[in-house]
Protein backbone atom coordinates (compact mmCIF):
# COMPACT_ATOMS: atom_id res chain seq x y z
CA UNK A 1 -84.36 68.27 52.89
CA UNK A 2 -82.38 65.40 52.09
CA UNK A 3 -83.21 64.81 49.03
CA UNK A 4 -81.47 65.91 45.74
CA UNK A 5 -82.97 68.98 44.35
CA UNK A 6 -83.78 69.31 40.77
CA UNK A 7 -81.22 69.64 38.30
CA UNK A 8 -78.68 67.61 40.64
CA UNK A 9 -75.07 66.30 39.07
CA UNK A 10 -76.66 62.50 38.50
CA UNK A 11 -74.01 61.73 35.77
CA UNK A 12 -70.88 60.28 36.65
CA UNK A 13 -67.71 62.81 36.62
CA UNK A 14 -65.92 62.26 33.49
CA UNK A 15 -62.72 64.48 35.09
CA UNK A 16 -61.27 65.43 38.08
CA UNK A 17 -61.86 68.70 36.92
CA UNK A 18 -65.61 67.80 36.30
CA UNK A 19 -65.90 66.24 39.62
CA UNK A 20 -64.62 69.47 41.42
CA UNK A 21 -66.88 71.34 39.26
CA UNK A 22 -69.49 69.31 40.05
CA UNK A 23 -68.88 69.45 44.11
CA UNK A 24 -68.67 73.76 43.92
CA UNK A 25 -72.25 74.01 42.20
CA UNK A 26 -73.62 71.30 44.60
CA UNK A 27 -72.56 73.03 47.50
CA UNK A 28 -73.79 76.39 45.63
CA UNK A 29 -76.97 74.86 45.91
CA UNK A 30 -76.87 73.12 49.04
CA UNK A 31 -77.71 69.47 47.60
CA UNK A 32 -76.53 67.31 50.25
CA UNK A 33 -77.73 64.51 48.36
CA UNK A 34 -76.50 65.26 45.70
CA UNK A 35 -72.85 65.63 47.11
CA UNK A 36 -72.55 62.28 48.41
CA UNK A 37 -73.54 60.67 44.62
CA UNK A 38 -71.00 62.43 42.88
CA UNK A 39 -68.22 61.68 45.79
CA UNK A 40 -68.95 58.18 46.45
CA UNK A 41 -66.69 55.85 44.14
CA UNK A 42 -69.20 53.19 43.90
CA UNK A 43 -72.14 55.41 42.49
CA UNK A 44 -70.24 58.25 40.85
CA UNK A 45 -66.83 59.87 40.00
CA UNK A 46 -65.07 56.12 39.14
CA UNK A 47 -63.18 57.90 35.79
CA UNK A 48 -62.66 60.89 37.85
CA UNK A 49 -60.83 58.28 40.31
CA UNK A 50 -57.56 57.47 37.33
CA UNK A 51 -56.27 60.73 37.60
CA UNK A 52 -55.88 60.18 41.43
CA UNK A 53 -53.28 57.27 41.09
CA UNK A 54 -50.07 57.30 42.50
CA UNK A 55 -47.54 59.71 41.35
CA UNK A 56 -50.44 61.96 39.55
CA UNK A 57 -51.07 65.50 40.77
CA UNK A 58 -51.83 66.78 44.21
CA UNK A 59 -55.52 66.15 44.94
CA UNK A 60 -55.53 68.90 47.77
CA UNK A 61 -53.87 71.37 46.06
CA UNK A 62 -56.16 71.24 42.44
CA UNK A 63 -59.56 70.98 44.93
CA UNK A 64 -58.69 73.91 46.74
CA UNK A 65 -58.47 75.75 43.38
CA UNK A 66 -61.56 74.30 41.50
CA UNK A 67 -63.84 72.89 44.56
CA UNK A 68 -64.42 76.53 45.50
CA UNK A 69 -63.20 78.63 48.28
CA UNK A 70 -66.15 77.59 51.17
CA UNK A 71 -65.26 73.99 51.26
CA UNK A 72 -62.76 73.44 48.45
CA UNK A 73 -60.36 72.32 51.68
CA UNK A 74 -62.61 69.58 52.96
CA UNK A 75 -62.88 68.30 48.67
CA UNK A 76 -58.63 67.85 48.83
CA UNK A 77 -58.93 66.04 52.19
CA UNK A 78 -61.18 63.61 50.89
CA UNK A 79 -59.19 63.28 47.21
CA UNK A 80 -56.28 62.88 49.48
CA UNK A 81 -57.76 59.64 51.33
CA UNK A 82 -59.01 58.08 48.13
CA UNK A 83 -55.24 58.33 46.56
CA UNK A 84 -54.37 57.07 49.54
CA UNK A 85 -56.76 54.39 49.41
CA UNK A 86 -55.78 53.36 45.99
CA UNK A 87 -52.14 53.67 47.24
CA UNK A 88 -53.08 50.71 49.73
CA UNK A 89 -51.97 53.01 52.32
CA UNK A 90 -54.89 52.38 54.67
CA UNK A 91 -53.80 53.90 57.79
CA UNK A 92 -52.73 57.20 55.91
CA UNK A 93 -56.69 57.20 54.24
CA UNK A 94 -57.70 56.42 57.87
CA UNK A 95 -56.03 59.91 58.91
CA UNK A 96 -57.08 61.56 56.16
CA UNK A 97 -60.50 60.36 56.36
CA UNK A 98 -61.00 61.65 60.02
CA UNK A 99 -59.37 64.96 59.26
CA UNK A 100 -61.71 65.30 56.13
CA UNK A 101 -64.59 64.61 58.83
CA UNK A 102 -63.61 66.87 61.25
CA UNK A 103 -63.06 69.76 58.86
CA UNK A 104 -66.55 69.29 57.32
CA UNK A 105 -68.16 69.01 60.61
CA UNK A 106 -66.35 72.35 62.02
CA UNK A 107 -67.79 74.01 58.57
CA UNK A 108 -71.29 72.48 59.18
CA UNK A 109 -70.90 74.18 62.62
CA UNK A 110 -70.25 77.68 61.34
CA UNK A 111 -72.61 77.53 58.59
CA UNK A 112 -75.69 79.80 59.56
CA UNK A 113 -79.18 78.20 60.22
CA UNK A 114 -79.32 74.39 60.95
CA UNK A 115 -77.31 73.63 57.66
CA UNK A 116 -78.96 70.18 57.42
CA UNK A 117 -78.05 69.77 53.74
CA UNK A 118 -74.42 69.03 55.07
CA UNK A 119 -75.70 66.22 57.12
CA UNK A 120 -75.96 63.41 54.15
CA UNK A 121 -72.14 64.28 53.68
CA UNK A 122 -71.29 63.95 57.25
CA UNK A 123 -72.65 60.37 57.34
CA UNK A 124 -71.40 59.25 54.46
CA UNK A 125 -67.86 60.16 55.81
CA UNK A 126 -68.87 58.43 59.21
CA UNK A 127 -69.39 55.47 57.58
CA UNK A 128 -66.46 55.38 55.09
CA UNK A 129 -64.28 55.98 58.32
CA UNK A 130 -66.06 53.35 60.45
CA UNK A 131 -65.41 51.01 57.27
CA UNK A 132 -62.13 51.37 57.02
CA UNK A 133 -61.19 51.36 60.86
CA UNK A 134 -62.99 47.76 60.96
CA UNK A 135 -60.91 46.63 57.92
CA UNK A 136 -57.68 47.70 59.54
CA UNK A 137 -58.94 45.97 62.89
CA UNK A 138 -59.83 42.91 61.16
CA UNK A 139 -56.32 42.65 59.53
CA UNK A 140 -54.83 43.09 62.74
CA UNK A 141 -57.24 40.28 64.99
CA UNK A 142 -54.29 38.21 66.26
CA UNK A 143 -52.55 40.94 68.03
CA UNK A 144 -54.03 41.93 71.76
CA UNK A 145 -55.42 45.19 70.86
CA UNK A 146 -57.80 44.55 67.98
CA UNK A 147 -59.75 47.41 68.13
CA UNK A 148 -57.03 49.91 68.27
CA UNK A 149 -58.34 51.53 65.03
CA UNK A 150 -62.06 51.57 66.01
CA UNK A 151 -61.10 52.75 69.61
CA UNK A 152 -59.14 56.08 67.97
CA UNK A 153 -62.53 56.76 65.65
CA UNK A 154 -64.30 56.53 69.02
CA UNK A 155 -62.06 59.44 70.14
CA UNK A 156 -62.57 61.51 67.21
CA UNK A 157 -66.29 61.38 67.53
CA UNK A 158 -66.45 62.33 71.27
CA UNK A 159 -64.24 65.21 70.48
CA UNK A 160 -67.09 66.03 67.73
CA UNK A 161 -69.69 64.97 70.30
CA UNK A 162 -68.97 67.85 72.64
CA UNK A 163 -68.55 70.67 69.92
CA UNK A 164 -72.05 69.73 68.36
CA UNK A 165 -73.49 69.15 71.86
CA UNK A 166 -73.10 73.53 72.45
CA UNK A 167 -74.51 74.04 68.78
CA UNK A 168 -78.37 74.65 69.26
CA UNK A 169 -78.90 75.07 65.75
CA UNK A 170 -77.27 71.48 64.87
CA UNK A 171 -79.30 68.66 66.45
CA UNK A 172 -79.25 66.12 63.65
CA UNK A 173 -75.62 66.19 63.48
CA UNK A 174 -75.16 66.16 66.70
CA UNK A 175 -77.65 62.97 67.23
CA UNK A 176 -76.03 61.39 64.20
CA UNK A 177 -72.59 61.28 65.76
CA UNK A 178 -74.18 60.25 69.19
CA UNK A 179 -75.40 57.16 66.99
CA UNK A 180 -71.68 56.71 65.69
CA UNK A 181 -70.77 56.73 69.14
CA UNK A 182 -73.44 53.82 70.23
CA UNK A 183 -72.97 51.48 67.17
CA UNK A 184 -69.35 51.72 68.27
CA UNK A 185 -69.58 51.07 72.19
CA UNK A 186 -71.93 47.96 71.03
CA UNK A 187 -69.05 46.35 69.03
CA UNK A 188 -66.59 47.14 71.52
CA UNK A 189 -68.75 45.89 74.62
CA UNK A 190 -68.93 49.19 76.47
CA UNK A 191 -72.38 49.31 77.26
CA UNK A 192 -71.95 51.16 80.26
CA UNK A 193 -70.88 53.90 78.06
CA UNK A 194 -73.98 54.53 76.17
CA UNK A 195 -76.34 55.46 79.23
CA UNK A 196 -73.90 58.91 79.46
CA UNK A 197 -74.59 59.61 75.92
CA UNK A 198 -78.24 58.92 75.91
CA UNK A 199 -78.95 60.73 78.92
CA UNK A 200 -76.58 64.13 77.34
CA UNK A 201 -78.76 64.07 74.42
CA UNK A 202 -82.14 63.92 76.22
CA UNK A 203 -80.96 66.63 78.60
CA UNK A 204 -80.09 68.71 75.47
CA UNK A 205 -82.77 67.98 73.40
CA UNK A 206 -85.52 68.64 76.79
CA UNK A 207 -84.00 71.82 77.41
CA UNK A 208 -84.60 73.21 73.96
CA UNK A 209 -87.60 71.55 73.80
CA UNK A 210 -86.72 69.59 70.66
CA UNK A 211 -87.93 65.92 69.57
CA UNK A 212 -85.77 63.60 68.09
CA UNK A 213 -88.66 62.19 65.82
CA UNK A 214 -88.53 65.97 63.92
CA UNK A 215 -85.10 64.90 62.44
CA UNK A 216 -84.73 63.61 58.97
CA UNK A 217 -85.80 59.96 59.25
CA UNK A 218 -82.29 58.44 58.18
CA UNK A 219 -80.99 60.12 61.53
CA UNK A 220 -83.96 59.32 63.95
CA UNK A 221 -84.44 56.13 63.13
CA UNK A 222 -81.15 54.97 63.44
CA UNK A 223 -81.27 56.98 66.63
CA UNK A 224 -84.12 55.56 68.15
CA UNK A 225 -83.03 51.58 66.93
CA UNK A 226 -79.68 52.19 69.17
CA UNK A 227 -81.88 53.94 72.05
CA UNK A 228 -84.55 50.77 71.60
CA UNK A 229 -81.44 48.31 71.83
CA UNK A 230 -79.69 50.00 74.80
CA UNK A 231 -83.09 49.65 76.67
CA UNK A 232 -83.04 45.93 75.57
CA UNK A 233 -79.39 45.61 77.29
CA UNK A 234 -80.60 47.27 80.03
CA UNK A 235 -83.80 45.32 80.58
CA UNK A 236 -86.31 48.33 80.37
CA UNK A 237 -88.51 46.53 77.82
CA UNK A 238 -91.67 48.97 78.07
CA UNK A 239 -89.20 51.82 76.75
CA UNK A 240 -87.37 49.25 74.53
CA UNK A 241 -90.66 48.35 72.83
CA UNK A 242 -91.32 52.00 72.31
CA UNK A 243 -88.22 53.14 70.74
CA UNK A 244 -88.05 50.30 68.56
CA UNK A 245 -91.49 50.21 67.33
CA UNK A 246 -91.18 54.03 66.31
CA UNK A 247 -87.74 52.95 64.65
CA UNK A 248 -89.57 49.64 62.62
CA UNK A 249 -92.69 51.93 61.85
CA UNK A 250 -90.91 54.81 60.43
CA UNK A 251 -88.18 52.67 58.71
CA UNK A 252 -89.06 52.46 54.53
CA UNK A 253 -90.64 48.97 53.51
CA UNK A 254 -88.11 48.47 50.94
CA UNK A 255 -84.89 48.95 53.78
CA UNK A 256 -84.98 45.05 54.64
CA UNK A 257 -82.20 44.80 56.01
CA UNK A 258 -82.66 47.62 58.53
CA UNK A 259 -86.44 46.57 59.37
CA UNK A 260 -85.06 42.71 59.92
CA UNK A 261 -82.52 44.59 62.15
CA UNK A 262 -84.86 46.36 64.62
CA UNK A 263 -86.97 43.08 64.30
CA UNK A 264 -84.32 41.12 66.22
CA UNK A 265 -84.82 43.36 68.91
CA UNK A 266 -87.97 44.11 68.88
CA UNK A 267 -89.67 40.23 68.67
CA UNK A 268 -87.69 39.65 72.11
CA UNK A 269 -89.28 43.08 73.93
CA UNK A 270 -92.88 42.09 71.84
CA UNK A 271 -92.14 38.44 73.06
CA UNK A 272 -91.62 39.17 76.72
CA UNK A 273 -94.59 41.66 76.73
CA UNK A 274 -96.64 39.03 75.76
CA UNK A 275 -97.25 40.02 72.34
CA UNK A 276 -96.54 37.50 69.47
CA UNK A 277 -95.72 38.31 66.30
CA UNK A 278 -97.64 36.64 62.90
CA UNK A 279 -95.99 34.09 61.06
CA UNK A 280 -96.35 35.70 58.04
CA UNK A 281 -93.90 38.84 59.64
CA UNK A 282 -91.37 36.65 60.47
CA UNK A 283 -91.12 34.50 57.27
CA UNK A 284 -91.46 38.19 55.06
CA UNK A 285 -88.01 39.21 57.06
CA UNK A 286 -86.40 36.40 57.00
CA UNK A 287 -86.87 35.63 61.13
CA UNK A 288 -86.77 31.74 61.04
CA UNK A 289 -85.09 31.77 64.41
CA UNK A 290 -88.29 33.25 65.77
CA UNK A 291 -90.75 30.83 64.14
CA UNK A 292 -90.42 27.62 66.34
CA UNK A 293 -89.75 29.52 69.83
CA UNK A 294 -92.95 31.66 69.18
CA UNK A 295 -95.15 28.19 68.26
CA UNK A 296 -93.70 26.66 71.80
CA UNK A 297 -95.32 29.72 73.33
CA UNK A 298 -98.42 29.56 71.96
CA UNK A 299 -99.16 26.18 72.17
CA UNK A 300 -97.20 25.92 75.99
CA UNK A 301 -94.29 23.53 74.15
CA UNK A 302 -91.69 23.02 76.98
CA UNK A 303 -89.74 20.52 75.16
CA UNK A 304 -89.76 22.51 71.73
CA UNK A 305 -88.84 25.66 73.43
CA UNK A 306 -85.77 23.87 75.24
CA UNK A 307 -84.44 22.51 71.86
CA UNK A 308 -85.22 25.51 70.02
CA UNK A 309 -83.15 28.19 72.72
CA UNK A 310 -80.50 25.23 72.62
CA UNK A 311 -80.06 25.83 68.44
CA UNK A 312 -79.76 29.22 68.42
CA UNK A 313 -78.31 29.98 71.69
CA UNK A 314 -75.02 31.02 69.79
CA UNK A 315 -77.12 33.82 67.82
CA UNK A 316 -78.69 35.20 70.92
CA UNK A 317 -75.73 35.36 72.80
CA UNK A 318 -74.19 37.19 69.71
CA UNK A 319 -76.93 39.81 69.75
CA UNK A 320 -77.20 40.36 73.73
CA UNK A 321 -80.46 38.88 73.91
CA UNK A 322 -80.09 35.32 75.26
CA UNK A 323 -81.03 36.42 79.07
CA UNK A 324 -84.56 37.92 77.59
CA UNK A 325 -85.40 35.26 75.35
CA UNK A 326 -84.19 32.30 78.28
CA UNK A 327 -86.93 34.46 80.67
CA UNK A 328 -89.78 33.13 77.68
CA UNK A 329 -89.77 30.30 79.24
CA UNK A 330 -91.83 31.65 81.91
CA UNK A 331 -94.32 32.41 79.54
CA UNK A 332 -94.20 28.77 77.96
CA UNK A 333 -94.94 27.45 81.12
CA UNK A 334 -97.84 30.02 82.02
CA UNK A 335 -98.97 28.81 78.43
CA UNK A 336 -98.94 24.95 79.42
CA UNK A 337 -100.35 25.44 82.94
CA UNK A 338 -103.56 27.21 81.00
CA UNK A 339 -103.77 24.39 78.46
CA UNK A 340 -103.72 21.39 81.15
CA UNK A 341 -106.09 23.50 83.35
CA UNK A 342 -108.25 23.78 79.91
CA UNK A 343 -107.99 20.01 79.18
CA UNK A 344 -108.59 18.69 82.55
CA UNK A 345 -111.62 20.82 82.79
CA UNK A 346 -113.18 19.73 79.89
CA UNK A 347 -112.51 16.14 80.72
CA UNK A 348 -114.73 17.22 83.56
CA UNK A 349 -117.32 18.05 81.46
CA UNK A 350 -120.65 19.33 83.72
CA UNK A 351 -118.66 18.34 87.08
CA UNK A 352 -115.36 20.92 86.46
CA UNK A 353 -114.92 23.08 89.31
CA UNK A 354 -112.61 25.45 90.12
CA UNK A 355 -110.24 22.98 92.24
CA UNK A 356 -108.24 20.91 90.34
CA UNK A 357 -106.13 17.79 91.40
CA UNK A 358 -102.53 18.98 91.02
CA UNK A 359 -101.65 14.82 89.68
CA UNK A 360 -102.51 15.89 86.02
CA UNK A 361 -99.95 19.15 86.12
CA UNK A 362 -97.21 17.21 87.86
CA UNK A 363 -97.71 14.32 85.33
CA UNK A 364 -97.30 16.96 82.19
CA UNK A 365 -94.38 19.31 83.55
CA UNK A 366 -92.48 15.99 84.38
CA UNK A 367 -93.21 14.98 80.44
CA UNK A 368 -92.43 18.16 79.24
CA UNK A 369 -89.54 19.73 81.24
CA UNK A 370 -88.49 16.96 83.87
CA UNK A 371 -89.90 18.73 86.77
CA UNK A 372 -90.71 16.33 89.65
CA UNK A 373 -93.67 17.35 92.11
CA UNK A 374 -92.11 19.94 94.66
CA UNK A 375 -90.27 21.50 91.32
CA UNK A 376 -93.69 21.32 89.64
CA UNK A 377 -94.95 23.46 92.47
CA UNK A 378 -92.67 25.75 92.63
CA UNK A 379 -93.33 26.73 89.13
CA UNK A 380 -97.19 27.20 89.56
CA UNK A 381 -96.57 29.26 92.84
CA UNK A 382 -94.48 31.60 90.81
CA UNK A 383 -96.79 31.94 88.61
CA UNK A 384 -99.08 32.79 90.88
CA UNK A 385 -97.45 35.37 92.50
CA UNK A 386 -96.20 36.80 89.25
CA UNK A 387 -99.85 36.89 88.53
CA UNK A 388 -99.78 35.07 85.23
CA UNK A 389 -102.06 32.66 87.13
CA UNK A 390 -104.63 33.68 89.73
CA UNK A 391 -105.54 31.09 92.37
CA UNK A 392 -103.59 29.18 95.22
CA UNK A 393 -102.42 26.25 95.83
CA UNK A 394 -103.34 23.44 98.64
CA UNK A 395 -100.51 21.29 99.54
CA UNK A 396 -102.33 19.55 101.94
CA UNK A 397 -105.07 18.66 100.22
CA UNK A 398 -102.60 18.48 97.04
CA UNK A 399 -105.24 21.14 94.70
CA UNK A 400 -104.68 23.77 92.76
CA UNK A 401 -107.72 26.29 93.29
CA UNK A 402 -108.22 28.98 90.40
CA UNK A 403 -109.49 32.11 90.31
CA UNK A 404 -113.67 32.14 88.98
CA UNK A 405 -112.69 35.20 87.48
CA UNK A 406 -110.06 35.00 84.99
CA UNK A 407 -107.49 32.76 86.14
CA UNK A 408 -105.33 33.46 83.39
CA UNK A 409 -104.92 37.18 83.40
CA UNK A 410 -103.33 39.30 80.33
CA UNK A 411 -99.75 39.96 80.43
CA UNK A 412 -100.01 43.37 81.23
CA UNK A 413 -101.42 42.32 84.29
CA UNK A 414 -98.06 40.80 85.26
CA UNK A 415 -95.92 41.67 88.12
CA UNK A 416 -93.10 41.25 85.33
């Protein structure tokens, strides 16, 4: 339903009248994607904008007359917002954009059926309003309340969310507004607000027996990305893995930027759950930030892990994944313990037993992580407690006794 229909207006309107005529025909055909292509100045309609220069005709009156009775009001507000942007009136541009968005959503609510064809323009208006608010906030970054315009936009989205929450047939629009709010809350650092939203959407969808995966991919992939990202922030890694994996598998392969964005959160989840990504995947998505960390986990190289975490700490902190990434040191030390175990048993040859001296472990842990004998014992004890190593320590005899059967259980068996 979100693809342009046959015969959609693909050529750029040559005048304001032509743009209004195209708008009217596309709304009659219920071609939402075609509407976005006609109205987006970056895709079409550039020449029509010349008539919106300051001092030109009133776009609202003209659009109301030429854009059709049903949706002409929304077109008029949109053209007025473009005219304000051309005039350099950024604040008025945002105000008109928000009014246009609210008008279009009200029309969407009043439309019979799912009104799915109206969601592409709704998404476009949301994106445009967010970009305009961000630009205004960046211009006032030196002031104390530097996110004032984004916060005003959040209030509008909250109002729309409450309205759409009551409309059982308008789930696509409801979920998209939820995505906009989640995006804003992450940017504002108001992560606690996300739980209420996700609970409200989940309850609403479950009550209707509606599956968000049935929504258009542009909406469902975005929703699952933010849902998964929230799970990462709340350290609910299994749910995060499920949501982000679905988002990644359903994100179009050509959308490299979005796929990389998903992987920036999915890779830490996978690593924490003991699944190592391939070098090919990391390089193909320009995720070199993880390459040496994955190598450190695979080889049990604590020095390399520490060095790379220090190097990329600012990036992980900015993304909100620093704590999860630091917890991977547990996995690195488990790999290191396994490597020592393998090497000691190989050197002992036929005399190898499951009871090994602590000396080699203390020596390597001192070299790799600066641990003394007591700290080494603590690390190994924690690995045993978390079921990442199966065995026990004998302090009296300075031995570590490994289980004969599977001394290094897979991550799925760990307590974490």
